[in-house]
Amino acid sequence: MTQQTRETRETQEPAVPQSAADAPVCPPAEPPGLAQGWCALSALHGRIESHIERALQAAHDLSVREFSVLNVLSEQHDGPGGHLRMHQVADSVVLSQSATTRLVTRLEERGLLSRFLCPDDRRGIYTNVTPDGLTLLVEARPTHDGALREALKDAAQRPELAPLVTAVETLAPPE
């Protein structure tokens, strides 16, 4: 190494780590209240769903999702038990197409649902509640509704969930 190269290296300033002022700017986070509200809503949903799940499983060997599918289909009335196309069922119960197909298959194997081709569009498949499915739904509804009331009552005791419980209760039509 030549003398000039050695002197140039010695006189150069050593690399200095970037200061915080030179670091890339991170966009500001959402207001803490928004994130806390979302966490509270998620917690309320989880508590309610778990409580209803245990009650329905114990009394009727039915999951929350199975109950939801029976309920959604029972409210459709373009046939004896009401029916929807599979993608409509998936949208109604917030499941993927494949998860909905598996769920409907299980309910069909239990004799609670049936499927048939759409008369207007042979590519479409409708899902229909059977009489046994309607009977089970009628039997399970008081269990579902009672568990929902219990879960809301319990959640109302928690200060972070109480406002959400109030909001849910105000959405319900008067009895």
N, C-alpha and C. Protein backbone atom coordinates (compact mmCIF):
# COMPACT_ATOMS: atom_id res chain seq x y z
N MET A 1 0.85 -1.16 0.00
CA MET A 1 0.00 0.00 0.00
C MET A 1 0.90 1.22 0.00
N THR A 2 0.60 2.20 -0.80
CA THR A 2 1.43 3.39 -0.89
C THR A 2 1.15 4.31 0.28
N GLN A 3 2.07 5.23 0.50
CA GLN A 3 1.93 6.19 1.59
C GLN A 3 0.69 7.06 1.37
N GLN A 4 0.42 7.46 0.14
CA GLN A 4 -0.71 8.33 -0.14
C GLN A 4 -2.03 7.61 0.15
N THR A 5 -2.16 6.33 -0.20
CA THR A 5 -3.38 5.58 0.06
C THR A 5 -3.60 5.43 1.54
N ARG A 6 -2.47 5.16 2.29
CA ARG A 6 -2.57 5.01 3.74
C ARG A 6 -3.03 6.31 4.37
N GLU A 7 -2.52 7.44 3.94
CA GLU A 7 -2.89 8.73 4.51
C GLU A 7 -4.35 9.06 4.19
N THR A 8 -4.79 8.73 2.98
CA THR A 8 -6.18 9.00 2.59
C THR A 8 -7.12 8.22 3.48
N ARG A 9 -6.84 6.96 3.73
CA ARG A 9 -7.68 6.14 4.60
C ARG A 9 -7.71 6.68 6.02
N GLU A 10 -6.60 7.10 6.54
CA GLU A 10 -6.53 7.57 7.92
C GLU A 10 -7.25 8.90 8.09
N THR A 11 -7.29 9.72 7.04
CA THR A 11 -7.92 11.02 7.18
C THR A 11 -9.43 10.99 6.90
N GLN A 12 -9.90 9.90 6.31
CA GLN A 12 -11.35 9.81 6.09
C GLN A 12 -12.06 9.60 7.41
N GLU A 13 -13.25 10.18 7.50
CA GLU A 13 -14.02 10.01 8.74
C GLU A 13 -14.57 8.60 8.80
N PRO A 14 -14.55 8.02 9.97
CA PRO A 14 -15.12 6.68 10.09
C PRO A 14 -16.63 6.73 9.83
N ALA A 15 -17.15 5.60 9.38
CA ALA A 15 -18.60 5.53 9.14
C ALA A 15 -19.34 5.72 10.45
N VAL A 16 -20.30 6.62 10.43
CA VAL A 16 -21.09 6.91 11.63
C VAL A 16 -22.49 6.35 11.41
N PRO A 17 -23.04 5.66 12.40
CA PRO A 17 -24.40 5.15 12.22
C PRO A 17 -25.37 6.30 11.99
N GLN A 18 -26.39 6.03 11.22
CA GLN A 18 -27.39 7.06 10.97
C GLN A 18 -28.06 7.45 12.27
N SER A 19 -28.36 8.72 12.37
CA SER A 19 -29.09 9.18 13.54
C SER A 19 -30.57 8.92 13.32
N ALA A 20 -31.35 9.05 14.35
CA ALA A 20 -32.79 8.85 14.26
C ALA A 20 -33.41 9.82 13.27
N ALA A 21 -32.79 10.99 13.15
CA ALA A 21 -33.32 11.99 12.22
C ALA A 21 -33.14 11.55 10.77
N ASP A 22 -32.13 10.72 10.51
CA ASP A 22 -31.87 10.26 9.16
C ASP A 22 -32.63 8.97 8.81
N ALA A 23 -33.24 8.33 9.79
CA ALA A 23 -33.94 7.07 9.57
C ALA A 23 -35.22 7.31 8.77
N PRO A 24 -35.68 6.28 8.04
CA PRO A 24 -36.93 6.44 7.30
C PRO A 24 -38.07 6.75 8.27
N VAL A 25 -39.00 7.53 7.81
CA VAL A 25 -40.12 7.94 8.65
C VAL A 25 -41.23 6.89 8.55
N CYS A 26 -41.66 6.41 9.69
CA CYS A 26 -42.74 5.43 9.76
C CYS A 26 -44.07 6.20 9.83
N PRO A 27 -45.05 5.80 9.05
CA PRO A 27 -46.33 6.52 9.13
C PRO A 27 -46.93 6.37 10.52
N PRO A 28 -47.67 7.36 10.95
CA PRO A 28 -48.25 7.28 12.30
C PRO A 28 -49.26 6.15 12.39
N ALA A 29 -49.34 5.57 13.56
CA ALA A 29 -50.30 4.50 13.81
C ALA A 29 -51.69 5.10 13.93
N GLU A 30 -52.68 4.24 13.77
CA GLU A 30 -54.06 4.68 13.97
C GLU A 30 -54.18 5.18 15.42
N PRO A 31 -55.15 6.02 15.69
CA PRO A 31 -55.33 6.47 17.07
C PRO A 31 -55.53 5.27 17.99
N PRO A 32 -54.95 5.32 19.20
CA PRO A 32 -55.05 4.16 20.10
C PRO A 32 -56.48 3.73 20.35
N GLY A 33 -57.40 4.66 20.39
CA GLY A 33 -58.80 4.30 20.64
C GLY A 33 -59.37 3.39 19.58
N LEU A 34 -58.97 3.58 18.34
CA LEU A 34 -59.46 2.75 17.25
C LEU A 34 -58.96 1.31 17.42
N ALA A 35 -57.68 1.16 17.68
CA ALA A 35 -57.11 -0.18 17.87
C ALA A 35 -57.70 -0.85 19.11
N GLN A 36 -57.87 -0.09 20.19
CA GLN A 36 -58.45 -0.66 21.40
C GLN A 36 -59.90 -1.07 21.16
N GLY A 37 -60.63 -0.26 20.40
CA GLY A 37 -62.01 -0.60 20.08
C GLY A 37 -62.11 -1.88 19.28
N TRP A 38 -61.20 -2.02 18.30
CA TRP A 38 -61.19 -3.23 17.50
C TRP A 38 -60.85 -4.45 18.37
N CYS A 39 -59.89 -4.32 19.24
CA CYS A 39 -59.53 -5.43 20.14
C CYS A 39 -60.70 -5.81 21.04
N ALA A 40 -61.40 -4.80 21.54
CA ALA A 40 -62.56 -5.06 22.40
C ALA A 40 -63.66 -5.77 21.62
N LEU A 41 -63.91 -5.32 20.39
CA LEU A 41 -64.93 -5.94 19.56
C LEU A 41 -64.57 -7.40 19.26
N SER A 42 -63.31 -7.63 18.95
CA SER A 42 -62.84 -8.98 18.69
C SER A 42 -62.99 -9.87 19.93
N ALA A 43 -62.65 -9.31 21.09
CA ALA A 43 -62.78 -10.06 22.34
C ALA A 43 -64.24 -10.39 22.63
N LEU A 44 -65.12 -9.43 22.42
CA LEU A 44 -66.55 -9.67 22.66
C LEU A 44 -67.05 -10.77 21.74
N HIS A 45 -66.71 -10.69 20.47
CA HIS A 45 -67.14 -11.71 19.52
C HIS A 45 -66.63 -13.10 19.94
N GLY A 46 -65.37 -13.17 20.28
CA GLY A 46 -64.79 -14.46 20.69
C GLY A 46 -65.46 -15.04 21.92
N ARG A 47 -65.72 -14.19 22.91
CA ARG A 47 -66.38 -14.66 24.14
C ARG A 47 -67.78 -15.18 23.84
N ILE A 48 -68.53 -14.41 23.06
CA ILE A 48 -69.90 -14.81 22.74
C ILE A 48 -69.91 -16.10 21.95
N GLU A 49 -69.08 -16.18 20.91
CA GLU A 49 -69.06 -17.36 20.07
C GLU A 49 -68.66 -18.61 20.87
N SER A 50 -67.67 -18.49 21.74
CA SER A 50 -67.25 -19.63 22.56
C SER A 50 -68.36 -20.09 23.49
N HIS A 51 -69.05 -19.14 24.09
CA HIS A 51 -70.13 -19.47 25.03
C HIS A 51 -71.28 -20.18 24.30
N ILE A 52 -71.66 -19.64 23.15
CA ILE A 52 -72.74 -20.25 22.38
C ILE A 52 -72.31 -21.63 21.86
N GLU A 53 -71.07 -21.74 21.42
CA GLU A 53 -70.55 -23.01 20.90
C GLU A 53 -70.68 -24.12 21.94
N ARG A 54 -70.23 -23.82 23.17
CA ARG A 54 -70.31 -24.83 24.24
C ARG A 54 -71.75 -25.24 24.50
N ALA A 55 -72.65 -24.27 24.54
CA ALA A 55 -74.06 -24.57 24.83
C ALA A 55 -74.69 -25.40 23.71
N LEU A 56 -74.46 -25.03 22.45
CA LEU A 56 -75.04 -25.77 21.33
C LEU A 56 -74.46 -27.17 21.21
N GLN A 57 -73.15 -27.30 21.42
CA GLN A 57 -72.53 -28.62 21.34
C GLN A 57 -73.09 -29.55 22.42
N ALA A 58 -73.20 -29.04 23.62
CA ALA A 58 -73.66 -29.87 24.73
C ALA A 58 -75.11 -30.30 24.56
N ALA A 59 -75.96 -29.39 24.14
CA ALA A 59 -77.39 -29.69 24.09
C ALA A 59 -77.86 -30.29 22.76
N HIS A 60 -77.19 -29.95 21.65
CA HIS A 60 -77.72 -30.34 20.34
C HIS A 60 -76.69 -30.92 19.38
N ASP A 61 -75.45 -31.10 19.83
CA ASP A 61 -74.38 -31.59 18.96
C ASP A 61 -74.30 -30.76 17.69
N LEU A 62 -74.31 -29.43 17.88
CA LEU A 62 -74.35 -28.48 16.77
C LEU A 62 -73.33 -27.39 17.04
N SER A 63 -72.56 -27.03 16.01
CA SER A 63 -71.60 -25.93 16.17
C SER A 63 -72.28 -24.60 15.87
N VAL A 64 -71.62 -23.52 16.23
CA VAL A 64 -72.15 -22.18 15.93
C VAL A 64 -72.29 -22.01 14.43
N ARG A 65 -71.30 -22.45 13.66
CA ARG A 65 -71.36 -22.31 12.20
C ARG A 65 -72.51 -23.14 11.61
N GLU A 66 -72.69 -24.35 12.13
CA GLU A 66 -73.80 -25.18 11.65
C GLU A 66 -75.14 -24.52 11.95
N PHE A 67 -75.27 -24.01 13.17
CA PHE A 67 -76.50 -23.28 13.53
C PHE A 67 -76.70 -22.10 12.58
N SER A 68 -75.64 -21.36 12.31
CA SER A 68 -75.73 -20.19 11.44
C SER A 68 -76.20 -20.56 10.04
N VAL A 69 -75.68 -21.65 9.50
CA VAL A 69 -76.09 -22.09 8.16
C VAL A 69 -77.57 -22.47 8.17
N LEU A 70 -77.99 -23.25 9.16
CA LEU A 70 -79.40 -23.63 9.24
C LEU A 70 -80.28 -22.39 9.38
N ASN A 71 -79.85 -21.46 10.21
CA ASN A 71 -80.63 -20.25 10.44
C ASN A 71 -80.74 -19.41 9.17
N VAL A 72 -79.61 -19.17 8.49
CA VAL A 72 -79.62 -18.37 7.27
C VAL A 72 -80.51 -19.01 6.21
N LEU A 73 -80.38 -20.32 6.04
CA LEU A 73 -81.18 -20.99 5.03
C LEU A 73 -82.66 -21.03 5.39
N SER A 74 -82.97 -21.09 6.66
CA SER A 74 -84.38 -21.14 7.08
C SER A 74 -85.10 -19.83 6.79
N GLU A 75 -84.33 -18.75 6.66
CA GLU A 75 -84.93 -17.44 6.42
C GLU A 75 -85.14 -17.16 4.94
N GLN A 76 -84.68 -18.04 4.06
CA GLN A 76 -84.87 -17.89 2.62
C GLN A 76 -86.12 -18.66 2.24
N HIS A 77 -86.98 -18.07 1.44
CA HIS A 77 -88.26 -18.73 1.17
C HIS A 77 -88.62 -18.77 -0.30
N ASP A 78 -87.80 -19.44 -1.08
CA ASP A 78 -88.14 -19.69 -2.47
C ASP A 78 -88.31 -21.20 -2.64
N GLY A 79 -88.84 -21.81 -1.64
CA GLY A 79 -89.04 -23.24 -1.65
C GLY A 79 -89.47 -23.68 -0.27
N PRO A 80 -89.68 -24.97 -0.06
CA PRO A 80 -90.21 -25.46 1.22
C PRO A 80 -89.37 -25.06 2.44
N GLY A 81 -88.05 -25.27 2.40
CA GLY A 81 -87.23 -24.93 3.56
C GLY A 81 -86.35 -23.72 3.33
N GLY A 82 -86.49 -23.11 2.19
CA GLY A 82 -85.63 -21.99 1.86
C GLY A 82 -84.32 -22.51 1.30
N HIS A 83 -83.74 -21.80 0.31
CA HIS A 83 -82.47 -22.27 -0.25
C HIS A 83 -81.66 -21.09 -0.78
N LEU A 84 -80.37 -21.33 -0.88
CA LEU A 84 -79.41 -20.37 -1.42
C LEU A 84 -78.39 -21.13 -2.24
N ARG A 85 -77.73 -20.41 -3.14
CA ARG A 85 -76.58 -20.99 -3.83
C ARG A 85 -75.43 -21.08 -2.83
N MET A 86 -74.50 -21.96 -3.11
CA MET A 86 -73.39 -22.20 -2.18
C MET A 86 -72.59 -20.93 -1.90
N HIS A 87 -72.32 -20.10 -2.91
CA HIS A 87 -71.55 -18.89 -2.66
C HIS A 87 -72.32 -17.91 -1.78
N GLN A 88 -73.66 -17.93 -1.85
CA GLN A 88 -74.47 -17.08 -0.98
C GLN A 88 -74.40 -17.58 0.47
N VAL A 89 -74.40 -18.89 0.64
CA VAL A 89 -74.25 -19.46 1.98
C VAL A 89 -72.89 -19.04 2.55
N ALA A 90 -71.83 -19.19 1.75
CA ALA A 90 -70.48 -18.83 2.20
C ALA A 90 -70.42 -17.37 2.62
N ASP A 91 -71.00 -16.49 1.82
CA ASP A 91 -71.01 -15.05 2.16
C ASP A 91 -71.81 -14.79 3.43
N SER A 92 -72.91 -15.49 3.60
CA SER A 92 -73.78 -15.25 4.75
C SER A 92 -73.15 -15.65 6.07
N VAL A 93 -72.35 -16.70 6.06
CA VAL A 93 -71.74 -17.18 7.30
C VAL A 93 -70.26 -16.87 7.39
N VAL A 94 -69.76 -16.08 6.44
CA VAL A 94 -68.37 -15.60 6.41
C VAL A 94 -67.38 -16.76 6.49
N LEU A 95 -67.50 -17.64 5.52
CA LEU A 95 -66.57 -18.76 5.37
C LEU A 95 -66.09 -18.80 3.93
N SER A 96 -64.96 -19.45 3.72
CA SER A 96 -64.48 -19.65 2.35
C SER A 96 -65.41 -20.64 1.65
N GLN A 97 -65.32 -20.68 0.34
CA GLN A 97 -66.14 -21.62 -0.44
C GLN A 97 -65.86 -23.06 -0.02
N SER A 98 -64.57 -23.38 0.14
CA SER A 98 -64.22 -24.77 0.49
C SER A 98 -64.69 -25.13 1.89
N ALA A 99 -64.55 -24.23 2.84
CA ALA A 99 -65.02 -24.50 4.20
C ALA A 99 -66.54 -24.66 4.22
N THR A 100 -67.23 -23.85 3.43
CA THR A 100 -68.69 -23.94 3.36
C THR A 100 -69.10 -25.27 2.76
N THR A 101 -68.41 -25.71 1.72
CA THR A 101 -68.73 -27.00 1.09
C THR A 101 -68.56 -28.13 2.10
N ARG A 102 -67.48 -28.10 2.87
CA ARG A 102 -67.26 -29.15 3.88
C ARG A 102 -68.36 -29.11 4.94
N LEU A 103 -68.71 -27.90 5.38
CA LEU A 103 -69.76 -27.75 6.40
C LEU A 103 -71.10 -28.24 5.87
N VAL A 104 -71.46 -27.85 4.67
CA VAL A 104 -72.73 -28.29 4.08
C VAL A 104 -72.73 -29.80 3.88
N THR A 105 -71.61 -30.37 3.48
CA THR A 105 -71.52 -31.82 3.32
C THR A 105 -71.78 -32.53 4.65
N ARG A 106 -71.19 -32.03 5.73
CA ARG A 106 -71.44 -32.64 7.05
C ARG A 106 -72.92 -32.56 7.43
N LEU A 107 -73.52 -31.40 7.20
CA LEU A 107 -74.94 -31.23 7.54
C LEU A 107 -75.82 -32.08 6.63
N GLU A 108 -75.41 -32.23 5.39
CA GLU A 108 -76.16 -33.08 4.46
C GLU A 108 -76.08 -34.55 4.89
N GLU A 109 -74.91 -34.98 5.32
CA GLU A 109 -74.73 -36.36 5.80
C GLU A 109 -75.58 -36.64 7.03
N ARG A 110 -75.85 -35.60 7.81
CA ARG A 110 -76.72 -35.75 8.99
C ARG A 110 -78.20 -35.62 8.64
N GLY A 111 -78.49 -35.35 7.39
CA GLY A 111 -79.88 -35.23 6.95
C GLY A 111 -80.51 -33.88 7.27
N LEU A 112 -79.68 -32.86 7.54
CA LEU A 112 -80.19 -31.55 7.92
C LEU A 112 -80.30 -30.59 6.74
N LEU A 113 -79.54 -30.86 5.69
CA LEU A 113 -79.56 -30.05 4.46
C LEU A 113 -79.60 -30.98 3.27
N SER A 114 -80.05 -30.44 2.15
CA SER A 114 -79.95 -31.16 0.88
C SER A 114 -79.46 -30.17 -0.17
N ARG A 115 -78.90 -30.71 -1.24
CA ARG A 115 -78.43 -29.87 -2.35
C ARG A 115 -79.12 -30.32 -3.63
N PHE A 116 -79.36 -29.36 -4.52
CA PHE A 116 -79.94 -29.69 -5.81
C PHE A 116 -79.48 -28.68 -6.85
N LEU A 117 -79.54 -29.08 -8.11
CA LEU A 117 -79.13 -28.20 -9.20
C LEU A 117 -80.17 -27.10 -9.40
N CYS A 118 -79.68 -25.94 -9.71
CA CYS A 118 -80.54 -24.79 -10.02
C CYS A 118 -81.29 -25.10 -11.32
N PRO A 119 -82.61 -24.95 -11.32
CA PRO A 119 -83.36 -25.28 -12.54
C PRO A 119 -83.06 -24.32 -13.70
N ASP A 120 -82.67 -23.08 -13.41
CA ASP A 120 -82.40 -22.10 -14.46
C ASP A 120 -80.96 -22.15 -14.97
N ASP A 121 -80.04 -22.55 -14.11
CA ASP A 121 -78.63 -22.55 -14.45
C ASP A 121 -78.03 -23.85 -13.91
N ARG A 122 -77.86 -24.82 -14.76
CA ARG A 122 -77.45 -26.16 -14.32
C ARG A 122 -76.06 -26.16 -13.67
N ARG A 123 -75.35 -25.04 -13.75
CA ARG A 123 -74.04 -24.98 -13.08
C ARG A 123 -74.20 -24.63 -11.60
N GLY A 124 -75.32 -24.03 -11.25
CA GLY A 124 -75.53 -23.60 -9.88
C GLY A 124 -76.08 -24.71 -9.01
N ILE A 125 -75.63 -24.71 -7.76
CA ILE A 125 -76.12 -25.71 -6.79
C ILE A 125 -76.77 -24.95 -5.65
N TYR A 126 -77.98 -25.33 -5.33
CA TYR A 126 -78.69 -24.75 -4.21
C TYR A 126 -78.55 -25.65 -2.99
N THR A 127 -78.59 -25.04 -1.83
CA THR A 127 -78.60 -25.77 -0.57
C THR A 127 -79.92 -25.47 0.11
N ASN A 128 -80.58 -26.49 0.61
CA ASN A 128 -81.92 -26.37 1.16
C ASN A 128 -81.97 -27.01 2.55
N VAL A 129 -82.69 -26.42 3.47
CA VAL A 129 -82.89 -27.00 4.80
C VAL A 129 -83.95 -28.09 4.69
N THR A 130 -83.66 -29.25 5.28
CA THR A 130 -84.63 -30.34 5.29
C THR A 130 -85.58 -30.16 6.47
N PRO A 131 -86.67 -30.91 6.51
CA PRO A 131 -87.55 -30.84 7.68
C PRO A 131 -86.82 -31.17 8.99
N ASP A 132 -85.89 -32.15 8.94
CA ASP A 132 -85.10 -32.47 10.15
C ASP A 132 -84.22 -31.29 10.55
N GLY A 133 -83.68 -30.59 9.55
CA GLY A 133 -82.86 -29.41 9.84
C GLY A 133 -83.68 -28.31 10.49
N LEU A 134 -84.89 -28.10 9.99
CA LEU A 134 -85.77 -27.09 10.59
C LEU A 134 -86.16 -27.47 12.01
N THR A 135 -86.43 -28.75 12.23
CA THR A 135 -86.77 -29.22 13.57
C THR A 135 -85.62 -28.98 14.54
N LEU A 136 -84.40 -29.34 14.13
CA LEU A 136 -83.24 -29.11 14.99
C LEU A 136 -83.03 -27.63 15.25
N LEU A 137 -83.22 -26.81 14.24
CA LEU A 137 -83.08 -25.36 14.42
C LEU A 137 -84.08 -24.84 15.44
N VAL A 138 -85.31 -25.27 15.35
CA VAL A 138 -86.35 -24.84 16.31
C VAL A 138 -85.98 -25.28 17.72
N GLU A 139 -85.44 -26.48 17.86
CA GLU A 139 -85.03 -26.99 19.17
C GLU A 139 -83.81 -26.24 19.70
N ALA A 140 -82.90 -25.88 18.81
CA ALA A 140 -81.63 -25.26 19.24
C ALA A 140 -81.74 -23.76 19.45
N ARG A 141 -82.72 -23.10 18.85
CA ARG A 141 -82.81 -21.65 18.96
C ARG A 141 -82.89 -21.15 20.41
N PRO A 142 -83.71 -21.74 21.28
CA PRO A 142 -83.71 -21.25 22.67
C PRO A 142 -82.35 -21.40 23.36
N THR A 143 -81.63 -22.48 23.06
CA THR A 143 -80.29 -22.67 23.62
C THR A 143 -79.36 -21.57 23.11
N HIS A 144 -79.40 -21.33 21.82
CA HIS A 144 -78.57 -20.28 21.21
C HIS A 144 -78.88 -18.92 21.83
N ASP A 145 -80.15 -18.57 21.86
CA ASP A 145 -80.54 -17.25 22.35
C ASP A 145 -80.24 -17.08 23.84
N GLY A 146 -80.45 -18.13 24.61
CA GLY A 146 -80.13 -18.07 26.04
C GLY A 146 -78.64 -17.91 26.28
N ALA A 147 -77.83 -18.66 25.51
CA ALA A 147 -76.38 -18.55 25.65
C ALA A 147 -75.91 -17.16 25.21
N LEU A 148 -76.52 -16.61 24.19
CA LEU A 148 -76.19 -15.26 23.75
C LEU A 148 -76.48 -14.24 24.84
N ARG A 149 -77.66 -14.34 25.45
CA ARG A 149 -78.01 -13.42 26.55
C ARG A 149 -77.03 -13.55 27.72
N GLU A 150 -76.69 -14.79 28.08
CA GLU A 150 -75.73 -15.01 29.18
C GLU A 150 -74.37 -14.41 28.85
N ALA A 151 -73.90 -14.64 27.64
CA ALA A 151 -72.58 -14.12 27.24
C ALA A 151 -72.57 -12.60 27.25
N LEU A 152 -73.65 -11.98 26.78
CA LEU A 152 -73.73 -10.52 26.79
C LEU A 152 -73.79 -9.99 28.22
N LYS A 153 -74.54 -10.67 29.07
CA LYS A 153 -74.63 -10.25 30.48
C LYS A 153 -73.26 -10.32 31.15
N ASP A 154 -72.53 -11.40 30.91
CA ASP A 154 -71.19 -11.54 31.48
C ASP A 154 -70.24 -10.47 30.93
N ALA A 155 -70.31 -10.24 29.63
CA ALA A 155 -69.42 -9.25 29.00
C ALA A 155 -69.72 -7.84 29.48
N ALA A 156 -70.98 -7.56 29.79
CA ALA A 156 -71.37 -6.22 30.24
C ALA A 156 -70.70 -5.86 31.58
N GLN A 157 -70.22 -6.85 32.30
CA GLN A 157 -69.55 -6.61 33.58
C GLN A 157 -68.11 -6.13 33.40
N ARG A 158 -67.59 -6.24 32.19
CA ARG A 158 -66.21 -5.81 31.91
C ARG A 158 -66.27 -4.40 31.33
N PRO A 159 -65.62 -3.44 31.96
CA PRO A 159 -65.71 -2.04 31.51
C PRO A 159 -65.34 -1.82 30.04
N GLU A 160 -64.35 -2.56 29.54
CA GLU A 160 -63.94 -2.35 28.15
C GLU A 160 -64.94 -2.93 27.15
N LEU A 161 -65.80 -3.85 27.60
CA LEU A 161 -66.78 -4.47 26.71
C LEU A 161 -68.19 -3.91 26.87
N ALA A 162 -68.46 -3.28 28.00
CA ALA A 162 -69.81 -2.80 28.29
C ALA A 162 -70.39 -1.89 27.21
N PRO A 163 -69.63 -0.94 26.66
CA PRO A 163 -70.21 -0.09 25.61
C PRO A 163 -70.60 -0.89 24.35
N LEU A 164 -69.83 -1.91 24.05
CA LEU A 164 -70.15 -2.74 22.89
C LEU A 164 -71.41 -3.57 23.14
N VAL A 165 -71.55 -4.07 24.34
CA VAL A 165 -72.76 -4.82 24.69
C VAL A 165 -73.98 -3.92 24.53
N THR A 166 -73.86 -2.69 25.01
CA THR A 166 -74.96 -1.74 24.87
C THR A 166 -75.28 -1.52 23.40
N ALA A 167 -74.26 -1.38 22.58
CA ALA A 167 -74.48 -1.18 21.14
C ALA A 167 -75.19 -2.38 20.52
N VAL A 168 -74.78 -3.59 20.89
CA VAL A 168 -75.42 -4.80 20.36
C VAL A 168 -76.88 -4.84 20.80
N GLU A 169 -77.11 -4.54 22.04
CA GLU A 169 -78.49 -4.60 22.56
C GLU A 169 -79.39 -3.55 21.91
N THR A 170 -78.84 -2.41 21.52
CA THR A 170 -79.68 -1.39 20.88
C THR A 170 -80.00 -1.75 19.43
N LEU A 171 -79.23 -2.66 18.84
CA LEU A 171 -79.51 -3.11 17.47
C LEU A 171 -80.69 -4.06 17.40
N ALA A 172 -80.97 -4.72 18.50
CA ALA A 172 -82.06 -5.70 18.53
C ALA A 172 -83.41 -4.98 18.50
N PRO A 173 -84.33 -5.50 17.68
CA PRO A 173 -85.68 -4.89 17.68
C PRO A 173 -86.36 -5.15 19.02
N PRO A 174 -87.24 -4.28 19.45
CA PRO A 174 -87.93 -4.49 20.73
C PRO A 174 -88.77 -5.77 20.67
N GLU A 175 -88.78 -6.45 21.79
CA GLU A 175 -89.54 -7.73 21.85
C GLU A 175 -90.99 -7.50 22.15
